Structure formats: structure tokens, C-alpha cells
Amino acid sequence: MSDLASLINAVEQADSSAQLIEAVRRLAATGHAEAVPTLITVLSYNNPGAAVAAVDGLVKIGEPAVAPLLEQLDQHNYTARSWAIRALAGIGDPRGFVTLLGVATADFSLSVRRAAARGIGAMKWHWFPEHLLEIAQEEAMEALLFVAQQDEEWVVRYAAVVGLESLACDFTFSHPEWRSHIEATFAHLAIADESWAVRARVWKAQQHLQGSAAAVAACQPQANQVEDEPSPLSPHDWQDILDKLYERKRQERVTLPEGDPRRYRELVGTVTHNAGEL
């Protein structure tokens, strides 16, 4: 039996919580792609310690774990799904991007929303093709702006601020108007957010973005940094991401929030039409 097979077998044969956690940690430390199925299975166990270790291992493995994790999202086990989202957030693969957008803005678990917000901010933007990058980053900005201002939990807003700081850095050269929008939001949050921790994180972001010429140098485009690894995604993957983004935008157009004036206009039109039939 190979070393990897022995480690997998140790996970499968563990007969106590402590043994399982230790076995998963050892398997996760290998970073081997063949460990992915076993690590994903662990996500469904009622053992948070083992799940954390499995997530760490899946993040370490990276791209080979993404497709199996996305399949996990289609299952009906919410516990496993929430851990899978944490893993996708840590990996930063664009195939999980649209999922993270939806989770960050709507999931009922604050820890999952926080992980998704962090994942959006840490996305591997250097993998995106040019024709898709602008669309994706605008969606990311809008989602994180919403979370930073509307989420009820300070830890989620905090994570959104971190992501917005990273985006603002990226926008320094490509979209200065988007950066200005983020900075204006930071100016509001710095005095209006009820959490001192969020306000402090906003102040730190402001210092980074506005402090000096060194801040501009720190925001050089990612293409000039060490992130030179080519994207492993196929044209089909990118088309699928684009289709999901367009579908998200379509849903945003047809789903009007409470208080949106368009809801009132539609109501008036319906009442007027019905009155004309009386």
C-alpha cells in the first residue's frame, strides 16, 4: 500500500473524533490531487475540526479540487456545501466566482458570507481574459459594496472592506472612477459604521490607498507582479462563467428590491388597469 493510500485508509478507518482530525491533517498536508475525493467526503461529517483540516488541504491542492467542489454545491447537505464554499473562497478559482457573489450577498450563515466576501477579494484576476475581466470586477465591486454597507454582521462587513481595498488597488490604473467610488464609500463607513473594528479596517485601507506615492507603487497592475502562472481554464470554462454572469445580471434586473420606485410604478399600473375593467 502506498503512503497516500495509507493516509486515505487512516481517514476512512478513524474511530474517534481526535483520530479523524489527525488523519485528515496528515492527508491534507500531502497536497496530492488524489486526496480530493476523500477530503470532500470529510466535509459532510459532523466534525468541524476535520472539516477545517479538509478545507485547508483542498485549498493547498487548488485547481484540481475546484470541479469536484462545484459538484458538491449541487448536493442537499448544507453543512458540506458551506465547507465547500469556504474551500472555493480560499482557492480563488474563477469558476467559483459567481457562486461566491451569490453567497456573499444572500447566504444565511455569517461565516459562509464572510468566507465568500474574502474569496471575492482574493480572486485570481490575472487568470481572467480581458473581455471578461471588466464585467467580473464590476460585479465584484457592486457585491462587496452592498455587503460592506448592508450586512448585519460586522465580521462580514470587515471582510468586504478587505476585498474592496484589494479591488481599489487593481482599479488604480484601469478604472480610476471605480476606485473613487470605493474611496467615497470608505469615507462614509469610516464615520458611519457602528463597529469600531470595521471603522479601523476602513482607516487602514484609506491610509494604504491615499497615503503616499508608495501606495501607488504598491498598486501596480497584477501583470507586473509575480502572478505569471497561466490560467488552466478552457474556453468552455470562460464561456460558462460569462453565461452565469449575464444570468446574474438578468436576475438583478427582474428582481426589484423593496422600496425600489419601479415597484410602485408597476403597482400603480396594475391598479389603474384593474380599475379600468370595473
C-alpha atoms as a PDB file:
ATOM      1  CA  MET A   1       0.000   0.000   0.000  1.00  0.00           C
ATOM      2  CA  SER A   2       1.385   3.423  -0.993  1.00  0.00           C
ATOM      3  CA  ASP A   3       1.882   6.207   1.533  1.00  0.00           C
ATOM      4  CA  LEU A   4      -1.069   8.139   0.075  1.00  0.00           C
ATOM      5  CA  ALA A   5      -3.309   5.082   0.157  1.00  0.00           C
ATOM      6  CA  SER A   6      -2.321   4.512   3.778  1.00  0.00           C
ATOM      7  CA  LEU A   7      -3.258   8.089   4.659  1.00  0.00           C
ATOM      8  CA  ILE A   8      -6.612   7.770   2.904  1.00  0.00           C
ATOM      9  CA  ASN A   9      -7.247   4.488   4.668  1.00  0.00           C
ATOM     10  CA  ALA A  10      -6.435   6.127   8.015  1.00  0.00           C
ATOM     11  CA  VAL A  11      -9.166   8.703   7.386  1.00  0.00           C
ATOM     12  CA  GLU A  12     -11.674   6.037   6.429  1.00  0.00           C
ATOM     13  CA  GLN A  13     -10.845   3.831   9.420  1.00  0.00           C
ATOM     14  CA  ALA A  14     -10.631   6.525  12.116  1.00  0.00           C
ATOM     15  CA  ASP A  15     -12.869   5.534  15.021  1.00  0.00           C
ATOM     16  CA  SER A  16     -12.756   8.703  17.113  1.00  0.00           C
ATOM     17  CA  SER A  17     -13.037  12.424  16.525  1.00  0.00           C
ATOM     18  CA  ALA A  18      -9.419  13.034  17.504  1.00  0.00           C
ATOM     19  CA  GLN A  19      -8.146  10.247  15.242  1.00  0.00           C
ATOM     20  CA  LEU A  20     -10.175  11.582  12.334  1.00  0.00           C
ATOM     21  CA  ILE A  21      -8.858  15.121  12.734  1.00  0.00           C
ATOM     22  CA  GLU A  22      -5.261  13.920  12.884  1.00  0.00           C
ATOM     23  CA  ALA A  23      -5.728  11.602   9.897  1.00  0.00           C
ATOM     24  CA  VAL A  24      -7.303  14.372   7.803  1.00  0.00           C
ATOM     25  CA  ARG A  25      -4.496  16.766   8.721  1.00  0.00           C
ATOM     26  CA  ARG A  26      -1.895  14.259   7.569  1.00  0.00           C
ATOM     27  CA  LEU A  27      -3.726  13.616   4.310  1.00  0.00           C
ATOM     28  CA  ALA A  28      -4.296  17.322   3.694  1.00  0.00           C
ATOM     29  CA  ALA A  29      -0.609  18.066   4.207  1.00  0.00           C
ATOM     30  CA  THR A  30       0.304  15.980   1.149  1.00  0.00           C
ATOM     31  CA  GLY A  31      -1.372  18.443  -1.205  1.00  0.00           C
ATOM     32  CA  HIS A  32      -1.975  15.499  -3.541  1.00  0.00           C
ATOM     33  CA  ALA A  33      -4.814  15.732  -6.054  1.00  0.00           C
ATOM     34  CA  GLU A  34      -5.773  12.106  -5.436  1.00  0.00           C
ATOM     35  CA  ALA A  35      -6.729  13.097  -1.891  1.00  0.00           C
ATOM     36  CA  VAL A  36      -9.533  15.350  -3.161  1.00  0.00           C
ATOM     37  CA  PRO A  37     -12.418  12.808  -3.089  1.00  0.00           C
ATOM     38  CA  THR A  38     -11.635  11.767   0.479  1.00  0.00           C
ATOM     39  CA  LEU A  39     -11.212  15.352   1.683  1.00  0.00           C
ATOM     40  CA  ILE A  40     -14.515  16.338   0.092  1.00  0.00           C
ATOM     41  CA  THR A  41     -16.234  13.400   1.780  1.00  0.00           C
ATOM     42  CA  VAL A  42     -14.948  14.668   5.130  1.00  0.00           C
ATOM     43  CA  LEU A  43     -16.795  17.959   4.556  1.00  0.00           C
ATOM     44  CA  SER A  44     -20.083  16.155   5.161  1.00  0.00           C
ATOM     45  CA  TYR A  45     -19.018  14.690   8.511  1.00  0.00           C
ATOM     46  CA  ASN A  46     -20.285  16.210  11.728  1.00  0.00           C
ATOM     47  CA  ASN A  47     -16.747  17.120  12.757  1.00  0.00           C
ATOM     48  CA  PRO A  48     -15.788  20.801  12.352  1.00  0.00           C
ATOM     49  CA  GLY A  49     -12.140  20.168  13.221  1.00  0.00           C
ATOM     50  CA  ALA A  50     -11.804  17.588  10.477  1.00  0.00           C
ATOM     51  CA  ALA A  51     -13.698  19.824   8.046  1.00  0.00           C
ATOM     52  CA  VAL A  52     -11.332  22.736   8.713  1.00  0.00           C
ATOM     53  CA  ALA A  53      -8.358  20.465   8.044  1.00  0.00           C
ATOM     54  CA  ALA A  54     -10.011  19.186   4.856  1.00  0.00           C
ATOM     55  CA  VAL A  55     -10.660  22.735   3.637  1.00  0.00           C
ATOM     56  CA  ASP A  56      -7.011  23.625   4.268  1.00  0.00           C
ATOM     57  CA  GLY A  57      -5.967  20.610   2.234  1.00  0.00           C
ATOM     58  CA  LEU A  58      -8.317  21.415  -0.636  1.00  0.00           C
ATOM     59  CA  VAL A  59      -7.061  25.000  -0.750  1.00  0.00           C
ATOM     60  CA  LYS A  60      -3.494  23.704  -0.842  1.00  0.00           C
ATOM     61  CA  ILE A  61      -4.348  21.367  -3.720  1.00  0.00           C
ATOM     62  CA  GLY A  62      -6.013  24.233  -5.565  1.00  0.00           C
ATOM     63  CA  GLU A  63      -7.269  23.984  -9.137  1.00  0.00           C
ATOM     64  CA  PRO A  64      -7.697  20.169  -9.282  1.00  0.00           C
ATOM     65  CA  ALA A  65     -10.181  20.419  -6.400  1.00  0.00           C
ATOM     66  CA  VAL A  66     -12.442  23.028  -7.999  1.00  0.00           C
ATOM     67  CA  ALA A  67     -14.627  20.875 -10.266  1.00  0.00           C
ATOM     68  CA  PRO A  68     -15.373  18.303  -7.520  1.00  0.00           C
ATOM     69  CA  LEU A  69     -16.147  21.137  -5.090  1.00  0.00           C
ATOM     70  CA  LEU A  70     -18.568  22.714  -7.551  1.00  0.00           C
ATOM     71  CA  GLU A  71     -20.316  19.356  -7.871  1.00  0.00           C
ATOM     72  CA  GLN A  72     -20.638  19.307  -4.085  1.00  0.00           C
ATOM     73  CA  LEU A  73     -22.686  22.517  -4.268  1.00  0.00           C
ATOM     74  CA  ASP A  74     -25.460  20.627  -6.034  1.00  0.00           C
ATOM     75  CA  GLN A  75     -25.941  18.274  -3.088  1.00  0.00           C
ATOM     76  CA  HIS A  76     -28.598  18.778  -0.413  1.00  0.00           C
ATOM     77  CA  ASN A  77     -26.208  18.616   2.542  1.00  0.00           C
ATOM     78  CA  TYR A  78     -25.912  22.246   3.641  1.00  0.00           C
ATOM     79  CA  THR A  79     -23.036  21.510   6.030  1.00  0.00           C
ATOM     80  CA  ALA A  80     -20.935  20.026   3.247  1.00  0.00           C
ATOM     81  CA  ARG A  81     -21.974  22.831   0.911  1.00  0.00           C
ATOM     82  CA  SER A  82     -20.905  25.524   3.365  1.00  0.00           C
ATOM     83  CA  TRP A  83     -17.481  23.951   3.820  1.00  0.00           C
ATOM     84  CA  ALA A  84     -17.129  23.567   0.047  1.00  0.00           C
ATOM     85  CA  ILE A  85     -17.815  27.278  -0.360  1.00  0.00           C
ATOM     86  CA  ARG A  86     -15.088  28.048   2.163  1.00  0.00           C
ATOM     87  CA  ALA A  87     -12.682  25.925   0.137  1.00  0.00           C
ATOM     88  CA  LEU A  88     -13.657  27.614  -3.130  1.00  0.00           C
ATOM     89  CA  ALA A  89     -13.181  31.003  -1.497  1.00  0.00           C
ATOM     90  CA  GLY A  90      -9.701  30.029  -0.374  1.00  0.00           C
ATOM     91  CA  ILE A  91      -8.696  28.717  -3.787  1.00  0.00           C
ATOM     92  CA  GLY A  92      -9.819  31.820  -5.692  1.00  0.00           C
ATOM     93  CA  ASP A  93     -10.519  29.957  -8.933  1.00  0.00           C
ATOM     94  CA  PRO A  94     -12.751  31.969 -11.319  1.00  0.00           C
ATOM     95  CA  ARG A  95     -15.096  29.001 -11.786  1.00  0.00           C
ATOM     96  CA  GLY A  96     -16.358  29.618  -8.260  1.00  0.00           C
ATOM     97  CA  PHE A  97     -16.723  33.376  -8.747  1.00  0.00           C
ATOM     98  CA  VAL A  98     -20.448  33.644  -9.474  1.00  0.00           C
ATOM     99  CA  THR A  99     -21.251  31.244  -6.644  1.00  0.00           C
ATOM    100  CA  LEU A 100     -19.275  33.426  -4.230  1.00  0.00           C
ATOM    101  CA  LEU A 101     -21.137  36.532  -5.412  1.00  0.00           C
ATOM    102  CA  GLY A 102     -24.472  34.968  -4.543  1.00  0.00           C
ATOM    103  CA  VAL A 103     -23.314  33.546  -1.230  1.00  0.00           C
ATOM    104  CA  ALA A 104     -21.678  36.767  -0.030  1.00  0.00           C
ATOM    105  CA  THR A 105     -24.875  38.733  -0.544  1.00  0.00           C
ATOM    106  CA  ALA A 106     -27.547  36.225   0.471  1.00  0.00           C
ATOM    107  CA  ASP A 107     -26.425  33.179   2.499  1.00  0.00           C
ATOM    108  CA  PHE A 108     -27.917  32.925   5.990  1.00  0.00           C
ATOM    109  CA  SER A 109     -24.644  31.810   7.633  1.00  0.00           C
ATOM    110  CA  LEU A 110     -22.430  34.730   8.610  1.00  0.00           C
ATOM    111  CA  SER A 111     -19.259  32.607   8.499  1.00  0.00           C
ATOM    112  CA  VAL A 112     -20.048  31.472   4.958  1.00  0.00           C
ATOM    113  CA  ARG A 113     -20.846  35.039   3.846  1.00  0.00           C
ATOM    114  CA  ARG A 114     -17.569  36.202   5.350  1.00  0.00           C
ATOM    115  CA  ALA A 115     -15.606  33.476   3.566  1.00  0.00           C
ATOM    116  CA  ALA A 116     -17.306  34.324   0.268  1.00  0.00           C
ATOM    117  CA  ALA A 117     -16.563  38.040   0.659  1.00  0.00           C
ATOM    118  CA  ARG A 118     -12.927  37.255   1.356  1.00  0.00           C
ATOM    119  CA  GLY A 119     -12.845  34.927  -1.634  1.00  0.00           C
ATOM    120  CA  ILE A 120     -14.192  37.588  -3.982  1.00  0.00           C
ATOM    121  CA  GLY A 121     -11.479  39.986  -2.865  1.00  0.00           C
ATOM    122  CA  ALA A 122      -8.775  37.346  -3.340  1.00  0.00           C
ATOM    123  CA  MET A 123      -9.949  36.149  -6.758  1.00  0.00           C
ATOM    124  CA  LYS A 124      -7.233  35.266  -9.282  1.00  0.00           C
ATOM    125  CA  TRP A 125      -7.977  38.226 -11.537  1.00  0.00           C
ATOM    126  CA  HIS A 126      -4.778  37.642 -13.522  1.00  0.00           C
ATOM    127  CA  TRP A 127      -6.405  34.497 -14.924  1.00  0.00           C
ATOM    128  CA  PHE A 128      -9.369  36.355 -16.431  1.00  0.00           C
ATOM    129  CA  PRO A 129      -9.318  37.112 -20.165  1.00  0.00           C
ATOM    130  CA  GLU A 130      -9.505  40.810 -20.934  1.00  0.00           C
ATOM    131  CA  HIS A 131     -13.033  40.691 -22.368  1.00  0.00           C
ATOM    132  CA  LEU A 132     -14.363  39.173 -19.136  1.00  0.00           C
ATOM    133  CA  LEU A 133     -12.250  40.938 -16.523  1.00  0.00           C
ATOM    134  CA  GLU A 134     -14.125  44.250 -16.559  1.00  0.00           C
ATOM    135  CA  ILE A 135     -17.542  42.597 -16.280  1.00  0.00           C
ATOM    136  CA  ALA A 136     -16.407  40.365 -13.425  1.00  0.00           C
ATOM    137  CA  GLN A 137     -14.656  43.093 -11.456  1.00  0.00           C
ATOM    138  CA  GLU A 138     -17.641  45.413 -11.718  1.00  0.00           C
ATOM    139  CA  GLU A 139     -19.881  42.653 -10.356  1.00  0.00           C
ATOM    140  CA  ALA A 140     -17.366  42.005  -7.580  1.00  0.00           C
ATOM    141  CA  MET A 141     -17.271  45.675  -6.654  1.00  0.00           C
ATOM    142  CA  GLU A 142     -21.056  46.004  -6.572  1.00  0.00           C
ATOM    143  CA  ALA A 143     -21.440  42.875  -4.440  1.00  0.00           C
ATOM    144  CA  LEU A 144     -18.786  43.930  -1.933  1.00  0.00           C
ATOM    145  CA  LEU A 145     -20.124  47.489  -1.732  1.00  0.00           C
ATOM    146  CA  PHE A 146     -23.524  46.036  -0.886  1.00  0.00           C
ATOM    147  CA  VAL A 147     -22.079  43.730   1.762  1.00  0.00           C
ATOM    148  CA  ALA A 148     -19.872  46.419   3.295  1.00  0.00           C
ATOM    149  CA  GLN A 149     -22.847  48.719   3.780  1.00  0.00           C
ATOM    150  CA  GLN A 150     -25.784  46.369   4.335  1.00  0.00           C
ATOM    151  CA  ASP A 151     -24.673  43.164   6.062  1.00  0.00           C
ATOM    152  CA  GLU A 152     -25.828  42.929   9.677  1.00  0.00           C
ATOM    153  CA  GLU A 153     -22.653  41.237  10.932  1.00  0.00           C
ATOM    154  CA  TRP A 154     -19.511  43.282  11.430  1.00  0.00           C
ATOM    155  CA  VAL A 155     -17.180  40.385  10.565  1.00  0.00           C
ATOM    156  CA  VAL A 156     -18.789  40.113   7.125  1.00  0.00           C
ATOM    157  CA  ARG A 157     -18.577  43.868   6.532  1.00  0.00           C
ATOM    158  CA  TYR A 158     -14.941  43.727   7.636  1.00  0.00           C
ATOM    159  CA  ALA A 159     -14.190  41.039   5.043  1.00  0.00           C
ATOM    160  CA  ALA A 160     -15.915  43.113   2.362  1.00  0.00           C
ATOM    161  CA  VAL A 161     -13.747  46.126   3.227  1.00  0.00           C
ATOM    162  CA  VAL A 162     -10.622  43.994   2.785  1.00  0.00           C
ATOM    163  CA  GLY A 163     -11.869  42.867  -0.616  1.00  0.00           C
ATOM    164  CA  LEU A 164     -12.767  46.402  -1.675  1.00  0.00           C
ATOM    165  CA  GLU A 165      -9.304  47.628  -0.733  1.00  0.00           C
ATOM    166  CA  SER A 166      -7.786  44.992  -2.994  1.00  0.00           C
ATOM    167  CA  LEU A 167     -10.136  45.908  -5.844  1.00  0.00           C
ATOM    168  CA  ALA A 168      -9.440  49.625  -5.434  1.00  0.00           C
ATOM    169  CA  CYS A 169      -5.764  48.824  -5.795  1.00  0.00           C
ATOM    170  CA  ASP A 170      -6.453  46.973  -9.039  1.00  0.00           C
ATOM    171  CA  PHE A 171      -8.594  49.851 -10.304  1.00  0.00           C
ATOM    172  CA  THR A 172      -5.865  52.490  -9.830  1.00  0.00           C
ATOM    173  CA  PHE A 173      -4.876  52.327 -13.473  1.00  0.00           C
ATOM    174  CA  SER A 174      -7.720  50.513 -15.213  1.00  0.00           C
ATOM    175  CA  HIS A 175     -10.805  52.183 -13.692  1.00  0.00           C
ATOM    176  CA  PRO A 176      -9.965  55.227 -11.564  1.00  0.00           C
ATOM    177  CA  GLU A 177     -13.655  56.150 -11.392  1.00  0.00           C
ATOM    178  CA  TRP A 178     -14.451  52.819  -9.715  1.00  0.00           C
ATOM    179  CA  ARG A 179     -11.614  53.378  -7.270  1.00  0.00           C
ATOM    180  CA  SER A 180     -13.064  56.805  -6.451  1.00  0.00           C
ATOM    181  CA  HIS A 181     -16.440  55.175  -5.786  1.00  0.00           C
ATOM    182  CA  ILE A 182     -14.857  52.744  -3.335  1.00  0.00           C
ATOM    183  CA  GLU A 183     -12.948  55.545  -1.633  1.00  0.00           C
ATOM    184  CA  ALA A 184     -16.165  57.548  -1.239  1.00  0.00           C
ATOM    185  CA  THR A 185     -17.798  54.524   0.376  1.00  0.00           C
ATOM    186  CA  PHE A 186     -14.830  54.167   2.711  1.00  0.00           C
ATOM    187  CA  ALA A 187     -15.176  57.816   3.706  1.00  0.00           C
ATOM    188  CA  HIS A 188     -18.781  57.142   4.691  1.00  0.00           C
ATOM    189  CA  LEU A 189     -18.048  53.894   6.525  1.00  0.00           C
ATOM    190  CA  ALA A 190     -15.167  55.460   8.437  1.00  0.00           C
ATOM    191  CA  ILE A 191     -17.634  57.568  10.387  1.00  0.00           C
ATOM    192  CA  ALA A 192     -20.933  55.717   9.982  1.00  0.00           C
ATOM    193  CA  ASP A 193     -20.234  52.029  10.630  1.00  0.00           C
ATOM    194  CA  GLU A 194     -21.298  51.021  14.134  1.00  0.00           C
ATOM    195  CA  SER A 195     -18.350  48.649  14.627  1.00  0.00           C
ATOM    196  CA  TRP A 196     -15.031  50.089  15.747  1.00  0.00           C
ATOM    197  CA  ALA A 197     -13.275  47.099  14.148  1.00  0.00           C
ATOM    198  CA  VAL A 198     -14.791  47.856  10.741  1.00  0.00           C
ATOM    199  CA  ARG A 199     -14.010  51.560  11.074  1.00  0.00           C
ATOM    200  CA  ALA A 200     -10.413  50.747  11.999  1.00  0.00           C
ATOM    201  CA  ARG A 201     -10.071  48.452   8.978  1.00  0.00           C
ATOM    202  CA  VAL A 202     -11.503  51.172   6.754  1.00  0.00           C
ATOM    203  CA  TRP A 203      -8.979  53.668   8.112  1.00  0.00           C
ATOM    204  CA  LYS A 204      -6.174  51.223   7.370  1.00  0.00           C
ATOM    205  CA  ALA A 205      -7.457  50.813   3.804  1.00  0.00           C
ATOM    206  CA  GLN A 206      -7.670  54.580   3.382  1.00  0.00           C
ATOM    207  CA  GLN A 207      -4.086  55.008   4.556  1.00  0.00           C
ATOM    208  CA  HIS A 208      -2.934  52.369   2.105  1.00  0.00           C
ATOM    209  CA  LEU A 209      -4.809  53.856  -0.830  1.00  0.00           C
ATOM    210  CA  GLN A 210      -4.245  57.552  -0.147  1.00  0.00           C
ATOM    211  CA  GLY A 211      -1.101  57.746   1.944  1.00  0.00           C
ATOM    212  CA  SER A 212       1.689  58.480  -0.494  1.00  0.00           C
ATOM    213  CA  ALA A 213       3.351  57.761  -3.806  1.00  0.00           C
ATOM    214  CA  ALA A 214       4.419  54.475  -2.273  1.00  0.00           C
ATOM    215  CA  ALA A 215       0.760  53.452  -2.180  1.00  0.00           C
ATOM    216  CA  VAL A 216       0.535  53.989  -5.937  1.00  0.00           C
ATOM    217  CA  ALA A 217       3.635  51.873  -6.435  1.00  0.00           C
ATOM    218  CA  ALA A 218       2.055  49.155  -4.302  1.00  0.00           C
ATOM    219  CA  CYS A 219      -0.947  49.135  -6.625  1.00  0.00           C
ATOM    220  CA  GLN A 220       0.922  48.283  -9.812  1.00  0.00           C
ATOM    221  CA  PRO A 221      -1.142  46.120 -12.160  1.00  0.00           C
ATOM    222  CA  GLN A 222      -1.007  42.452 -11.382  1.00  0.00           C
ATOM    223  CA  ALA A 223       0.575  41.780 -14.741  1.00  0.00           C
ATOM    224  CA  ASN A 224       3.733  43.445 -13.422  1.00  0.00           C
ATOM    225  CA  GLN A 225       3.815  41.264 -10.327  1.00  0.00           C
ATOM    226  CA  VAL A 226       4.881  37.655  -9.877  1.00  0.00           C
ATOM    227  CA  GLU A 227       1.479  36.234 -10.763  1.00  0.00           C
ATOM    228  CA  ASP A 228       2.617  34.920 -14.140  1.00  0.00           C
ATOM    229  CA  GLU A 229       1.092  31.453 -13.960  1.00  0.00           C
ATOM    230  CA  PRO A 230      -1.133  30.780 -16.985  1.00  0.00           C
ATOM    231  CA  SER A 231      -4.798  30.101 -16.476  1.00  0.00           C
ATOM    232  CA  PRO A 232      -5.686  26.396 -16.591  1.00  0.00           C
ATOM    233  CA  LEU A 233      -9.269  27.190 -17.594  1.00  0.00           C
ATOM    234  CA  SER A 234     -10.596  26.242 -21.021  1.00  0.00           C
ATOM    235  CA  PRO A 235     -12.610  28.442 -23.416  1.00  0.00           C
ATOM    236  CA  HIS A 236     -15.664  26.434 -22.339  1.00  0.00           C
ATOM    237  CA  ASP A 237     -14.982  27.351 -18.698  1.00  0.00           C
ATOM    238  CA  TRP A 238     -14.798  31.050 -19.531  1.00  0.00           C
ATOM    239  CA  GLN A 239     -17.978  30.908 -21.594  1.00  0.00           C
ATOM    240  CA  ASP A 240     -19.750  29.205 -18.701  1.00  0.00           C
ATOM    241  CA  ILE A 241     -18.579  31.940 -16.311  1.00  0.00           C
ATOM    242  CA  LEU A 242     -19.733  34.628 -18.738  1.00  0.00           C
ATOM    243  CA  ASP A 243     -23.140  32.982 -19.143  1.00  0.00           C
ATOM    244  CA  LYS A 244     -23.558  32.828 -15.362  1.00  0.00           C
ATOM    245  CA  LEU A 245     -22.616  36.493 -15.003  1.00  0.00           C
ATOM    246  CA  TYR A 246     -25.146  37.512 -17.647  1.00  0.00           C
ATOM    247  CA  GLU A 247     -27.795  35.399 -15.940  1.00  0.00           C
ATOM    248  CA  ARG A 248     -26.982  37.082 -12.632  1.00  0.00           C
ATOM    249  CA  LYS A 249     -27.355  40.495 -14.249  1.00  0.00           C
ATOM    250  CA  ARG A 250     -30.651  39.425 -15.798  1.00  0.00           C
ATOM    251  CA  GLN A 251     -31.938  38.292 -12.410  1.00  0.00           C
ATOM    252  CA  GLU A 252     -30.875  41.601 -10.887  1.00  0.00           C
ATOM    253  CA  ARG A 253     -32.904  43.440 -13.495  1.00  0.00           C
ATOM    254  CA  VAL A 254     -36.095  41.444 -12.959  1.00  0.00           C
ATOM    255  CA  THR A 255     -35.887  41.215  -9.159  1.00  0.00           C
ATOM    256  CA  LEU A 256     -36.617  44.655  -7.760  1.00  0.00           C
ATOM    257  CA  PRO A 257     -35.811  45.360  -4.103  1.00  0.00           C
ATOM    258  CA  GLU A 258     -38.449  46.520  -1.638  1.00  0.00           C
ATOM    259  CA  GLY A 259     -38.690  50.301  -1.838  1.00  0.00           C
ATOM    260  CA  ASP A 260     -37.472  50.480  -5.423  1.00  0.00           C
ATOM    261  CA  PRO A 261     -39.623  53.146  -7.144  1.00  0.00           C
ATOM    262  CA  ARG A 262     -40.167  50.825 -10.082  1.00  0.00           C
ATOM    263  CA  ARG A 263     -42.204  48.547  -7.790  1.00  0.00           C
ATOM    264  CA  TYR A 264     -44.517  51.483  -7.055  1.00  0.00           C
ATOM    265  CA  ARG A 265     -44.856  52.312 -10.742  1.00  0.00           C
ATOM    266  CA  GLU A 266     -45.789  48.708 -11.552  1.00  0.00           C
ATOM    267  CA  LEU A 267     -48.323  48.655  -8.714  1.00  0.00           C
ATOM    268  CA  VAL A 268     -49.936  51.872  -9.931  1.00  0.00           C
ATOM    269  CA  GLY A 269     -50.108  50.482 -13.446  1.00  0.00           C
ATOM    270  CA  THR A 270     -51.771  47.283 -12.229  1.00  0.00           C
ATOM    271  CA  VAL A 271     -54.322  49.155 -10.111  1.00  0.00           C
ATOM    272  CA  THR A 272     -55.122  51.533 -12.963  1.00  0.00           C
ATOM    273  CA  HIS A 273     -55.559  48.649 -15.388  1.00  0.00           C
ATOM    274  CA  ASN A 274     -57.850  46.768 -12.993  1.00  0.00           C
ATOM    275  CA  ALA A 275     -59.898  49.888 -12.285  1.00  0.00           C
ATOM    276  CA  GLY A 276     -60.453  50.375 -15.990  1.00  0.00           C
ATOM    277  CA  GLU A 277     -62.007  46.908 -16.200  1.00  0.00           C
ATOM    278  CA  LEU A 278     -64.584  47.591 -13.458  1.00  0.00           C
END
